[in-house]
Amino acid sequence: MKNIVLFASGSGTNAENIILHFKNSNHANVVAVFCNNPSAKVLERAKNHGVPTVLFSREDLKSELILHKLNAFRPDLIVLAGFLLHLPPVIIKRYSNKIINIHPALLPKYGGKGMYGMNVHKAVLEETETETGITIHYVNEHYDEGKIIFQKSVSVEDCKTAEEIAVKIHELEQRYFPEVIERLLI
């Protein structure tokens, strides 16, 4: 059985979708959710599904404490599902090519520090893009610059607000993120 560890900072809809996708799987299981935000809804979602959670601070992440806690779960894949902090080099090096992230745009467009969530959707709207999408990529030491694993685009010509774009992106995330994770673990 392959072990998946999720890192999340917010509401946890993608994390919950991944947990549910693998709940009855014969080859992979979400073994933990790591979170840096004590008020994040993802903590409640994980507990509701019996998935252990590890809460930590920004300072903890900078130390090797999180690496030791992470190692205890023996992850085959680490999935950033709405995680807003940058992983330290020690974790990236230890789990090279075993950490993936989902980005709410077609990288390399609209990537980098500060480009997450509604910030991305607002930028897409302001630039009057006709399409956007999702990118699933490996994590390296630079924001959104790891090797691209998967991209899926969607038309946003009919979108008048960033919120409308967000709905389309969320649909793509919910559909494709668990599938891509599963393919990586087979």
N, C-alpha and C. Protein backbone atom coordinates (compact mmCIF):
# COMPACT_ATOMS: atom_id res chain seq x y z
N MET A 1 0.85 -1.18 0.00
CA MET A 1 0.00 0.00 0.00
C MET A 1 0.89 1.24 0.00
N LYS A 2 0.61 2.16 -0.92
CA LYS A 2 1.37 3.41 -1.02
C LYS A 2 0.77 4.44 -0.07
N ASN A 3 1.65 5.24 0.55
CA ASN A 3 1.23 6.26 1.51
C ASN A 3 1.26 7.65 0.89
N ILE A 4 0.15 8.36 1.02
CA ILE A 4 0.04 9.74 0.55
C ILE A 4 -0.06 10.64 1.77
N VAL A 5 0.75 11.69 1.81
CA VAL A 5 0.63 12.72 2.84
C VAL A 5 0.22 14.01 2.14
N LEU A 6 -0.83 14.64 2.66
CA LEU A 6 -1.31 15.90 2.11
C LEU A 6 -0.82 17.06 2.96
N PHE A 7 -0.48 18.16 2.32
CA PHE A 7 -0.19 19.43 2.99
C PHE A 7 -1.26 20.41 2.52
N ALA A 8 -1.95 21.06 3.46
CA ALA A 8 -3.00 22.01 3.12
C ALA A 8 -3.04 23.14 4.14
N SER A 9 -3.55 24.29 3.71
CA SER A 9 -3.60 25.47 4.58
C SER A 9 -5.00 26.04 4.76
N GLY A 10 -5.97 25.57 3.98
CA GLY A 10 -7.25 26.26 3.98
C GLY A 10 -8.46 25.38 4.15
N SER A 11 -9.43 25.56 3.28
CA SER A 11 -10.73 24.90 3.43
C SER A 11 -10.66 23.39 3.24
N GLY A 12 -9.77 22.93 2.40
CA GLY A 12 -9.55 21.50 2.28
C GLY A 12 -10.47 20.75 1.34
N THR A 13 -11.10 21.44 0.40
CA THR A 13 -11.98 20.72 -0.52
C THR A 13 -11.19 19.77 -1.43
N ASN A 14 -10.03 20.21 -1.89
CA ASN A 14 -9.20 19.30 -2.70
C ASN A 14 -8.66 18.15 -1.84
N ALA A 15 -8.25 18.46 -0.63
CA ALA A 15 -7.73 17.42 0.26
C ALA A 15 -8.82 16.38 0.55
N GLU A 16 -10.03 16.84 0.85
CA GLU A 16 -11.12 15.91 1.13
C GLU A 16 -11.44 15.06 -0.10
N ASN A 17 -11.43 15.67 -1.27
CA ASN A 17 -11.69 14.94 -2.50
C ASN A 17 -10.65 13.83 -2.71
N ILE A 18 -9.41 14.12 -2.40
CA ILE A 18 -8.33 13.12 -2.52
C ILE A 18 -8.52 12.01 -1.48
N ILE A 19 -8.84 12.39 -0.26
CA ILE A 19 -9.08 11.40 0.80
C ILE A 19 -10.20 10.45 0.37
N LEU A 20 -11.28 11.00 -0.12
CA LEU A 20 -12.42 10.17 -0.54
C LEU A 20 -12.06 9.28 -1.73
N HIS A 21 -11.29 9.81 -2.65
CA HIS A 21 -10.89 9.04 -3.83
C HIS A 21 -10.12 7.78 -3.44
N PHE A 22 -9.26 7.90 -2.43
CA PHE A 22 -8.40 6.78 -2.04
C PHE A 22 -8.93 5.99 -0.83
N LYS A 23 -10.07 6.37 -0.30
CA LYS A 23 -10.59 5.75 0.92
C LYS A 23 -10.72 4.22 0.82
N ASN A 24 -11.17 3.73 -0.30
CA ASN A 24 -11.35 2.29 -0.48
C ASN A 24 -10.38 1.70 -1.50
N SER A 25 -9.28 2.38 -1.71
CA SER A 25 -8.29 1.93 -2.69
C SER A 25 -7.50 0.74 -2.16
N ASN A 26 -7.11 -0.12 -3.05
CA ASN A 26 -6.27 -1.27 -2.70
C ASN A 26 -4.78 -0.98 -2.82
N HIS A 27 -4.44 0.19 -3.41
CA HIS A 27 -3.01 0.44 -3.62
C HIS A 27 -2.49 1.75 -3.03
N ALA A 28 -3.35 2.64 -2.55
CA ALA A 28 -2.87 3.88 -1.95
C ALA A 28 -3.87 4.39 -0.92
N ASN A 29 -3.35 5.16 0.06
CA ASN A 29 -4.18 5.67 1.12
C ASN A 29 -3.58 6.98 1.64
N VAL A 30 -4.45 7.93 1.99
CA VAL A 30 -3.98 9.16 2.63
C VAL A 30 -3.74 8.85 4.10
N VAL A 31 -2.48 8.96 4.52
CA VAL A 31 -2.11 8.57 5.88
C VAL A 31 -2.02 9.75 6.84
N ALA A 32 -1.97 10.98 6.31
CA ALA A 32 -1.89 12.16 7.18
C ALA A 32 -2.15 13.43 6.40
N VAL A 33 -2.63 14.44 7.13
CA VAL A 33 -2.75 15.79 6.60
C VAL A 33 -1.91 16.70 7.48
N PHE A 34 -0.95 17.39 6.89
CA PHE A 34 -0.12 18.36 7.58
C PHE A 34 -0.68 19.75 7.29
N CYS A 35 -0.80 20.57 8.33
CA CYS A 35 -1.42 21.88 8.16
C CYS A 35 -0.72 22.92 9.04
N ASN A 36 -0.57 24.11 8.50
CA ASN A 36 0.08 25.20 9.22
C ASN A 36 -0.91 26.22 9.78
N ASN A 37 -2.21 25.97 9.61
CA ASN A 37 -3.21 26.96 10.00
C ASN A 37 -4.19 26.32 11.00
N PRO A 38 -4.13 26.69 12.28
CA PRO A 38 -4.97 26.05 13.28
C PRO A 38 -6.47 26.25 13.06
N SER A 39 -6.88 27.24 12.28
CA SER A 39 -8.31 27.46 12.03
C SER A 39 -8.75 26.95 10.65
N ALA A 40 -7.88 26.21 9.98
CA ALA A 40 -8.21 25.72 8.64
C ALA A 40 -9.28 24.63 8.71
N LYS A 41 -10.22 24.72 7.84
CA LYS A 41 -11.33 23.75 7.75
C LYS A 41 -10.81 22.35 7.37
N VAL A 42 -9.66 22.29 6.71
CA VAL A 42 -9.10 20.99 6.30
C VAL A 42 -8.87 20.07 7.50
N LEU A 43 -8.55 20.63 8.65
CA LEU A 43 -8.31 19.82 9.85
C LEU A 43 -9.58 19.05 10.24
N GLU A 44 -10.70 19.74 10.21
CA GLU A 44 -11.99 19.11 10.53
C GLU A 44 -12.35 18.06 9.47
N ARG A 45 -12.13 18.40 8.21
CA ARG A 45 -12.46 17.47 7.12
C ARG A 45 -11.64 16.18 7.27
N ALA A 46 -10.36 16.32 7.56
CA ALA A 46 -9.50 15.14 7.71
C ALA A 46 -9.96 14.28 8.89
N LYS A 47 -10.21 14.92 10.01
CA LYS A 47 -10.65 14.18 11.20
C LYS A 47 -11.97 13.46 10.96
N ASN A 48 -12.88 14.08 10.20
CA ASN A 48 -14.16 13.46 9.89
C ASN A 48 -13.99 12.15 9.10
N HIS A 49 -12.87 12.03 8.42
CA HIS A 49 -12.59 10.83 7.63
C HIS A 49 -11.55 9.92 8.30
N GLY A 50 -11.23 10.23 9.55
CA GLY A 50 -10.30 9.39 10.30
C GLY A 50 -8.85 9.50 9.88
N VAL A 51 -8.50 10.60 9.23
CA VAL A 51 -7.12 10.82 8.79
C VAL A 51 -6.39 11.65 9.85
N PRO A 52 -5.27 11.15 10.36
CA PRO A 52 -4.50 11.91 11.34
C PRO A 52 -4.04 13.27 10.79
N THR A 53 -3.98 14.25 11.67
CA THR A 53 -3.51 15.58 11.26
C THR A 53 -2.28 15.96 12.08
N VAL A 54 -1.43 16.75 11.46
CA VAL A 54 -0.24 17.29 12.11
C VAL A 54 -0.28 18.80 11.92
N LEU A 55 -0.45 19.52 13.00
CA LEU A 55 -0.49 20.98 12.97
C LEU A 55 0.90 21.51 13.33
N PHE A 56 1.35 22.49 12.55
CA PHE A 56 2.68 23.03 12.80
C PHE A 56 2.71 24.52 12.48
N SER A 57 3.73 25.19 12.99
CA SER A 57 3.89 26.62 12.74
C SER A 57 4.91 26.84 11.62
N ARG A 58 4.97 28.07 11.19
CA ARG A 58 5.96 28.45 10.17
C ARG A 58 7.38 28.17 10.69
N GLU A 59 7.59 28.42 11.99
CA GLU A 59 8.90 28.18 12.59
C GLU A 59 9.23 26.68 12.62
N ASP A 60 8.20 25.85 12.93
CA ASP A 60 8.39 24.40 12.90
C ASP A 60 8.83 23.93 11.52
N LEU A 61 8.22 24.51 10.50
CA LEU A 61 8.53 24.10 9.13
C LEU A 61 9.98 24.40 8.79
N LYS A 62 10.51 25.48 9.32
CA LYS A 62 11.90 25.86 9.04
C LYS A 62 12.89 24.95 9.76
N SER A 63 12.44 24.30 10.82
CA SER A 63 13.32 23.38 11.54
C SER A 63 13.19 21.99 10.91
N GLU A 64 13.96 21.04 11.43
CA GLU A 64 13.87 19.68 10.89
C GLU A 64 12.78 18.87 11.58
N LEU A 65 12.03 19.50 12.49
CA LEU A 65 10.95 18.84 13.20
C LEU A 65 9.92 18.25 12.23
N ILE A 66 9.51 19.03 11.25
CA ILE A 66 8.50 18.56 10.29
C ILE A 66 9.05 17.41 9.45
N LEU A 67 10.30 17.47 9.08
CA LEU A 67 10.90 16.37 8.31
C LEU A 67 10.83 15.08 9.12
N HIS A 68 11.12 15.14 10.41
CA HIS A 68 11.06 13.95 11.25
C HIS A 68 9.63 13.42 11.37
N LYS A 69 8.67 14.34 11.55
CA LYS A 69 7.27 13.92 11.64
C LYS A 69 6.80 13.33 10.31
N LEU A 70 7.23 13.93 9.22
CA LEU A 70 6.88 13.45 7.88
C LEU A 70 7.45 12.06 7.63
N ASN A 71 8.71 11.87 7.98
CA ASN A 71 9.37 10.57 7.80
C ASN A 71 8.62 9.44 8.52
N ALA A 72 8.00 9.75 9.66
CA ALA A 72 7.27 8.74 10.44
C ALA A 72 6.09 8.16 9.66
N PHE A 73 5.55 8.92 8.71
CA PHE A 73 4.43 8.43 7.90
C PHE A 73 4.88 7.71 6.63
N ARG A 74 6.18 7.68 6.38
CA ARG A 74 6.76 6.99 5.22
C ARG A 74 6.01 7.28 3.92
N PRO A 75 5.93 8.56 3.53
CA PRO A 75 5.16 8.90 2.33
C PRO A 75 5.83 8.44 1.04
N ASP A 76 5.02 7.87 0.16
CA ASP A 76 5.46 7.57 -1.20
C ASP A 76 5.24 8.78 -2.09
N LEU A 77 4.27 9.63 -1.69
CA LEU A 77 3.98 10.85 -2.43
C LEU A 77 3.47 11.90 -1.44
N ILE A 78 3.98 13.11 -1.58
CA ILE A 78 3.52 14.25 -0.80
C ILE A 78 2.76 15.16 -1.75
N VAL A 79 1.53 15.50 -1.38
CA VAL A 79 0.67 16.28 -2.25
C VAL A 79 0.34 17.61 -1.58
N LEU A 80 0.69 18.70 -2.25
CA LEU A 80 0.33 20.03 -1.76
C LEU A 80 -1.04 20.35 -2.34
N ALA A 81 -2.03 20.42 -1.49
CA ALA A 81 -3.41 20.64 -1.91
C ALA A 81 -3.92 21.92 -1.26
N GLY A 82 -3.49 23.05 -1.82
CA GLY A 82 -3.86 24.32 -1.21
C GLY A 82 -2.95 24.68 -0.05
N PHE A 83 -1.69 24.33 -0.18
CA PHE A 83 -0.69 24.65 0.86
C PHE A 83 0.04 25.91 0.43
N LEU A 84 0.05 26.92 1.29
CA LEU A 84 0.53 28.24 0.88
C LEU A 84 1.96 28.57 1.26
N LEU A 85 2.61 27.75 2.06
CA LEU A 85 3.99 28.03 2.43
C LEU A 85 4.96 27.31 1.50
N HIS A 86 6.16 27.83 1.45
CA HIS A 86 7.21 27.20 0.65
C HIS A 86 7.88 26.12 1.49
N LEU A 87 7.98 24.91 0.94
CA LEU A 87 8.66 23.84 1.68
C LEU A 87 10.15 24.13 1.76
N PRO A 88 10.78 23.80 2.89
CA PRO A 88 12.22 24.05 3.02
C PRO A 88 13.02 23.07 2.16
N PRO A 89 14.23 23.48 1.78
CA PRO A 89 15.08 22.65 0.93
C PRO A 89 15.33 21.25 1.48
N VAL A 90 15.39 21.09 2.80
CA VAL A 90 15.68 19.78 3.38
C VAL A 90 14.56 18.77 3.04
N ILE A 91 13.31 19.21 3.02
CA ILE A 91 12.20 18.33 2.65
C ILE A 91 12.20 18.07 1.15
N ILE A 92 12.41 19.13 0.37
CA ILE A 92 12.44 18.98 -1.09
C ILE A 92 13.55 18.02 -1.51
N LYS A 93 14.70 18.15 -0.88
CA LYS A 93 15.83 17.26 -1.22
C LYS A 93 15.53 15.81 -0.80
N ARG A 94 15.01 15.62 0.40
CA ARG A 94 14.74 14.27 0.91
C ARG A 94 13.69 13.56 0.07
N TYR A 95 12.69 14.31 -0.42
CA TYR A 95 11.60 13.73 -1.19
C TYR A 95 11.60 14.23 -2.64
N SER A 96 12.76 14.30 -3.22
CA SER A 96 12.91 14.76 -4.60
C SER A 96 12.05 13.91 -5.54
N ASN A 97 11.29 14.59 -6.39
CA ASN A 97 10.37 13.95 -7.35
C ASN A 97 9.28 13.12 -6.68
N LYS A 98 9.00 13.42 -5.42
CA LYS A 98 7.91 12.76 -4.71
C LYS A 98 6.98 13.78 -4.07
N ILE A 99 7.11 15.04 -4.48
CA ILE A 99 6.24 16.11 -3.98
C ILE A 99 5.59 16.77 -5.19
N ILE A 100 4.25 16.84 -5.18
CA ILE A 100 3.55 17.50 -6.28
C ILE A 100 2.65 18.60 -5.74
N ASN A 101 2.33 19.52 -6.63
CA ASN A 101 1.47 20.65 -6.30
C ASN A 101 0.48 20.85 -7.44
N ILE A 102 -0.65 21.43 -7.12
CA ILE A 102 -1.61 21.84 -8.14
C ILE A 102 -1.65 23.36 -8.16
N HIS A 103 -1.63 23.92 -9.36
CA HIS A 103 -1.66 25.38 -9.51
C HIS A 103 -2.87 25.74 -10.36
N PRO A 104 -3.61 26.80 -9.98
CA PRO A 104 -4.85 27.14 -10.67
C PRO A 104 -4.67 28.00 -11.92
N ALA A 105 -3.69 27.66 -12.74
CA ALA A 105 -3.46 28.34 -14.02
C ALA A 105 -2.58 27.44 -14.87
N LEU A 106 -2.43 27.82 -16.11
CA LEU A 106 -1.57 27.06 -17.02
C LEU A 106 -0.16 27.62 -16.94
N LEU A 107 0.64 27.01 -16.08
CA LEU A 107 2.02 27.47 -15.92
C LEU A 107 2.74 27.34 -17.26
N PRO A 108 3.69 28.23 -17.55
CA PRO A 108 4.33 29.17 -16.63
C PRO A 108 3.56 30.47 -16.40
N LYS A 109 2.41 30.65 -17.04
CA LYS A 109 1.63 31.87 -16.80
C LYS A 109 1.10 31.88 -15.38
N TYR A 110 1.12 33.06 -14.78
CA TYR A 110 0.48 33.32 -13.48
C TYR A 110 1.00 32.44 -12.36
N GLY A 111 2.30 32.19 -12.38
CA GLY A 111 2.94 31.42 -11.32
C GLY A 111 3.84 32.31 -10.49
N GLY A 112 4.40 31.74 -9.45
CA GLY A 112 5.36 32.44 -8.61
C GLY A 112 4.77 32.83 -7.27
N LYS A 113 5.63 33.44 -6.47
CA LYS A 113 5.24 33.83 -5.11
C LYS A 113 4.04 34.78 -5.15
N GLY A 114 3.07 34.50 -4.31
CA GLY A 114 1.88 35.34 -4.21
C GLY A 114 0.80 35.01 -5.23
N MET A 115 1.11 34.13 -6.17
CA MET A 115 0.13 33.77 -7.19
C MET A 115 -0.56 32.48 -6.78
N TYR A 116 -1.66 32.63 -6.07
CA TYR A 116 -2.47 31.50 -5.63
C TYR A 116 -3.92 31.96 -5.57
N GLY A 117 -4.83 31.00 -5.64
CA GLY A 117 -6.25 31.26 -5.46
C GLY A 117 -6.78 32.43 -6.27
N MET A 118 -7.51 33.30 -5.60
CA MET A 118 -8.16 34.42 -6.28
C MET A 118 -7.17 35.39 -6.91
N ASN A 119 -5.96 35.46 -6.38
CA ASN A 119 -4.94 36.32 -7.01
C ASN A 119 -4.72 35.89 -8.46
N VAL A 120 -4.67 34.59 -8.68
CA VAL A 120 -4.46 34.06 -10.04
C VAL A 120 -5.69 34.36 -10.90
N HIS A 121 -6.87 34.08 -10.38
CA HIS A 121 -8.10 34.27 -11.17
C HIS A 121 -8.31 35.74 -11.54
N LYS A 122 -7.99 36.64 -10.62
CA LYS A 122 -8.10 38.08 -10.92
C LYS A 122 -7.12 38.48 -12.02
N ALA A 123 -5.90 37.94 -11.96
CA ALA A 123 -4.90 38.24 -12.99
C ALA A 123 -5.34 37.72 -14.36
N VAL A 124 -5.90 36.53 -14.39
CA VAL A 124 -6.39 35.95 -15.64
C VAL A 124 -7.50 36.84 -16.22
N LEU A 125 -8.41 37.29 -15.36
CA LEU A 125 -9.50 38.16 -15.79
C LEU A 125 -8.98 39.50 -16.30
N GLU A 126 -8.05 40.10 -15.55
CA GLU A 126 -7.49 41.41 -15.93
C GLU A 126 -6.76 41.35 -17.27
N GLU A 127 -6.14 40.22 -17.55
CA GLU A 127 -5.40 40.07 -18.82
C GLU A 127 -6.31 39.61 -19.96
N THR A 128 -7.60 39.50 -19.68
CA THR A 128 -8.61 39.07 -20.64
C THR A 128 -8.21 37.80 -21.39
N GLU A 129 -7.72 36.83 -20.63
CA GLU A 129 -7.37 35.53 -21.21
C GLU A 129 -8.65 34.85 -21.71
N THR A 130 -8.53 34.09 -22.77
CA THR A 130 -9.69 33.34 -23.27
C THR A 130 -9.73 31.95 -22.68
N GLU A 131 -8.59 31.49 -22.14
CA GLU A 131 -8.57 30.20 -21.47
C GLU A 131 -7.58 30.24 -20.32
N THR A 132 -7.82 29.36 -19.38
CA THR A 132 -6.91 29.14 -18.27
C THR A 132 -7.03 27.66 -17.94
N GLY A 133 -6.58 27.25 -16.77
CA GLY A 133 -6.69 25.84 -16.44
C GLY A 133 -5.95 25.50 -15.17
N ILE A 134 -5.56 24.23 -15.09
CA ILE A 134 -4.79 23.76 -13.94
C ILE A 134 -3.48 23.16 -14.42
N THR A 135 -2.50 23.22 -13.54
CA THR A 135 -1.22 22.58 -13.78
C THR A 135 -0.86 21.78 -12.54
N ILE A 136 -0.55 20.51 -12.74
CA ILE A 136 -0.02 19.68 -11.66
C ILE A 136 1.45 19.49 -11.98
N HIS A 137 2.31 19.80 -11.00
CA HIS A 137 3.75 19.78 -11.26
C HIS A 137 4.52 19.28 -10.04
N TYR A 138 5.74 18.83 -10.31
CA TYR A 138 6.63 18.47 -9.20
C TYR A 138 7.08 19.75 -8.52
N VAL A 139 7.39 19.63 -7.24
CA VAL A 139 7.84 20.78 -6.46
C VAL A 139 9.35 20.77 -6.39
N ASN A 140 9.93 21.93 -6.69
CA ASN A 140 11.36 22.12 -6.48
C ASN A 140 11.55 23.34 -5.59
N GLU A 141 12.75 23.87 -5.53
CA GLU A 141 13.02 24.97 -4.60
C GLU A 141 12.44 26.31 -5.04
N HIS A 142 11.86 26.40 -6.22
CA HIS A 142 11.28 27.65 -6.71
C HIS A 142 9.77 27.50 -6.89
N TYR A 143 9.02 28.53 -6.49
CA TYR A 143 7.56 28.49 -6.64
C TYR A 143 7.17 28.19 -8.09
N ASP A 144 6.38 27.16 -8.27
CA ASP A 144 5.71 26.85 -9.54
C ASP A 144 6.66 26.64 -10.72
N GLU A 145 7.88 26.19 -10.46
CA GLU A 145 8.84 25.98 -11.55
C GLU A 145 9.24 24.52 -11.75
N GLY A 146 8.66 23.61 -10.97
CA GLY A 146 8.98 22.20 -11.12
C GLY A 146 8.43 21.62 -12.41
N LYS A 147 8.95 20.47 -12.79
CA LYS A 147 8.54 19.81 -14.03
C LYS A 147 7.04 19.59 -14.06
N ILE A 148 6.42 19.95 -15.18
CA ILE A 148 4.97 19.81 -15.33
C ILE A 148 4.62 18.35 -15.60
N ILE A 149 3.62 17.87 -14.85
CA ILE A 149 3.13 16.50 -14.97
C ILE A 149 1.87 16.46 -15.84
N PHE A 150 0.98 17.46 -15.64
CA PHE A 150 -0.33 17.44 -16.28
C PHE A 150 -0.88 18.85 -16.35
N GLN A 151 -1.53 19.17 -17.47
CA GLN A 151 -2.26 20.43 -17.60
C GLN A 151 -3.60 20.16 -18.26
N LYS A 152 -4.59 20.90 -17.86
CA LYS A 152 -5.91 20.83 -18.48
C LYS A 152 -6.45 22.25 -18.58
N SER A 153 -6.89 22.63 -19.78
CA SER A 153 -7.38 23.99 -19.98
C SER A 153 -8.91 24.03 -20.02
N VAL A 154 -9.43 25.23 -19.84
CA VAL A 154 -10.87 25.48 -19.90
C VAL A 154 -11.07 26.89 -20.44
N SER A 155 -12.09 27.06 -21.24
CA SER A 155 -12.42 28.38 -21.77
C SER A 155 -12.99 29.26 -20.66
N VAL A 156 -12.55 30.51 -20.65
CA VAL A 156 -13.11 31.48 -19.69
C VAL A 156 -13.63 32.72 -20.42
N GLU A 157 -13.88 32.56 -21.71
CA GLU A 157 -14.39 33.69 -22.51
C GLU A 157 -15.72 34.21 -21.97
N ASP A 158 -16.52 33.31 -21.39
CA ASP A 158 -17.84 33.70 -20.88
C ASP A 158 -17.80 34.20 -19.44
N CYS A 159 -16.64 34.20 -18.81
CA CYS A 159 -16.52 34.60 -17.39
C CYS A 159 -16.39 36.12 -17.27
N LYS A 160 -17.22 36.67 -16.41
CA LYS A 160 -17.19 38.13 -16.16
C LYS A 160 -16.52 38.48 -14.84
N THR A 161 -16.33 37.47 -13.96
CA THR A 161 -15.73 37.73 -12.66
C THR A 161 -14.67 36.67 -12.35
N ALA A 162 -13.80 37.00 -11.42
CA ALA A 162 -12.79 36.05 -10.96
C ALA A 162 -13.45 34.86 -10.28
N GLU A 163 -14.58 35.10 -9.62
CA GLU A 163 -15.31 34.02 -8.96
C GLU A 163 -15.83 33.00 -9.96
N GLU A 164 -16.27 33.46 -11.12
CA GLU A 164 -16.73 32.53 -12.16
C GLU A 164 -15.57 31.68 -12.68
N ILE A 165 -14.41 32.28 -12.80
CA ILE A 165 -13.22 31.54 -13.20
C ILE A 165 -12.88 30.51 -12.13
N ALA A 166 -12.97 30.91 -10.87
CA ALA A 166 -12.65 30.01 -9.75
C ALA A 166 -13.53 28.76 -9.78
N VAL A 167 -14.79 28.91 -10.11
CA VAL A 167 -15.70 27.76 -10.18
C VAL A 167 -15.23 26.77 -11.25
N LYS A 168 -14.85 27.28 -12.40
CA LYS A 168 -14.39 26.40 -13.49
C LYS A 168 -13.09 25.69 -13.10
N ILE A 169 -12.20 26.40 -12.45
CA ILE A 169 -10.92 25.81 -12.04
C ILE A 169 -11.16 24.75 -10.97
N HIS A 170 -12.03 25.03 -10.03
CA HIS A 170 -12.33 24.07 -8.96
C HIS A 170 -12.88 22.76 -9.55
N GLU A 171 -13.72 22.87 -10.55
CA GLU A 171 -14.25 21.67 -11.22
C GLU A 171 -13.12 20.83 -11.83
N LEU A 172 -12.16 21.50 -12.47
CA LEU A 172 -11.02 20.78 -13.04
C LEU A 172 -10.19 20.11 -11.95
N GLU A 173 -9.94 20.85 -10.86
CA GLU A 173 -9.15 20.30 -9.75
C GLU A 173 -9.81 19.05 -9.19
N GLN A 174 -11.10 19.14 -8.92
CA GLN A 174 -11.83 18.02 -8.33
C GLN A 174 -11.82 16.80 -9.24
N ARG A 175 -11.91 17.02 -10.53
CA ARG A 175 -11.96 15.89 -11.47
C ARG A 175 -10.60 15.26 -11.69
N TYR A 176 -9.57 16.08 -11.91
CA TYR A 176 -8.30 15.54 -12.41
C TYR A 176 -7.22 15.30 -11.35
N PHE A 177 -7.23 16.03 -10.25
CA PHE A 177 -6.14 15.89 -9.28
C PHE A 177 -6.04 14.47 -8.72
N PRO A 178 -7.14 13.86 -8.24
CA PRO A 178 -7.02 12.49 -7.73
C PRO A 178 -6.57 11.49 -8.80
N GLU A 179 -7.04 11.68 -10.03
CA GLU A 179 -6.67 10.77 -11.12
C GLU A 179 -5.16 10.83 -11.40
N VAL A 180 -4.61 12.03 -11.42
CA VAL A 180 -3.18 12.19 -11.69
C VAL A 180 -2.36 11.59 -10.54
N ILE A 181 -2.80 11.81 -9.32
CA ILE A 181 -2.12 11.22 -8.16
C ILE A 181 -2.11 9.69 -8.29
N GLU A 182 -3.24 9.13 -8.63
CA GLU A 182 -3.34 7.68 -8.77
C GLU A 182 -2.38 7.16 -9.84
N ARG A 183 -2.33 7.84 -10.97
CA ARG A 183 -1.40 7.42 -12.05
C ARG A 183 0.05 7.47 -11.60
N LEU A 184 0.38 8.46 -10.80
CA LEU A 184 1.77 8.57 -10.33
C LEU A 184 2.14 7.43 -9.37
N LEU A 185 1.16 6.88 -8.71
CA LEU A 185 1.43 5.83 -7.70
C LEU A 185 1.33 4.41 -8.22
N ILE A 186 0.85 4.26 -9.43
CA ILE A 186 0.70 2.89 -9.99
C ILE A 186 2.05 2.38 -10.46
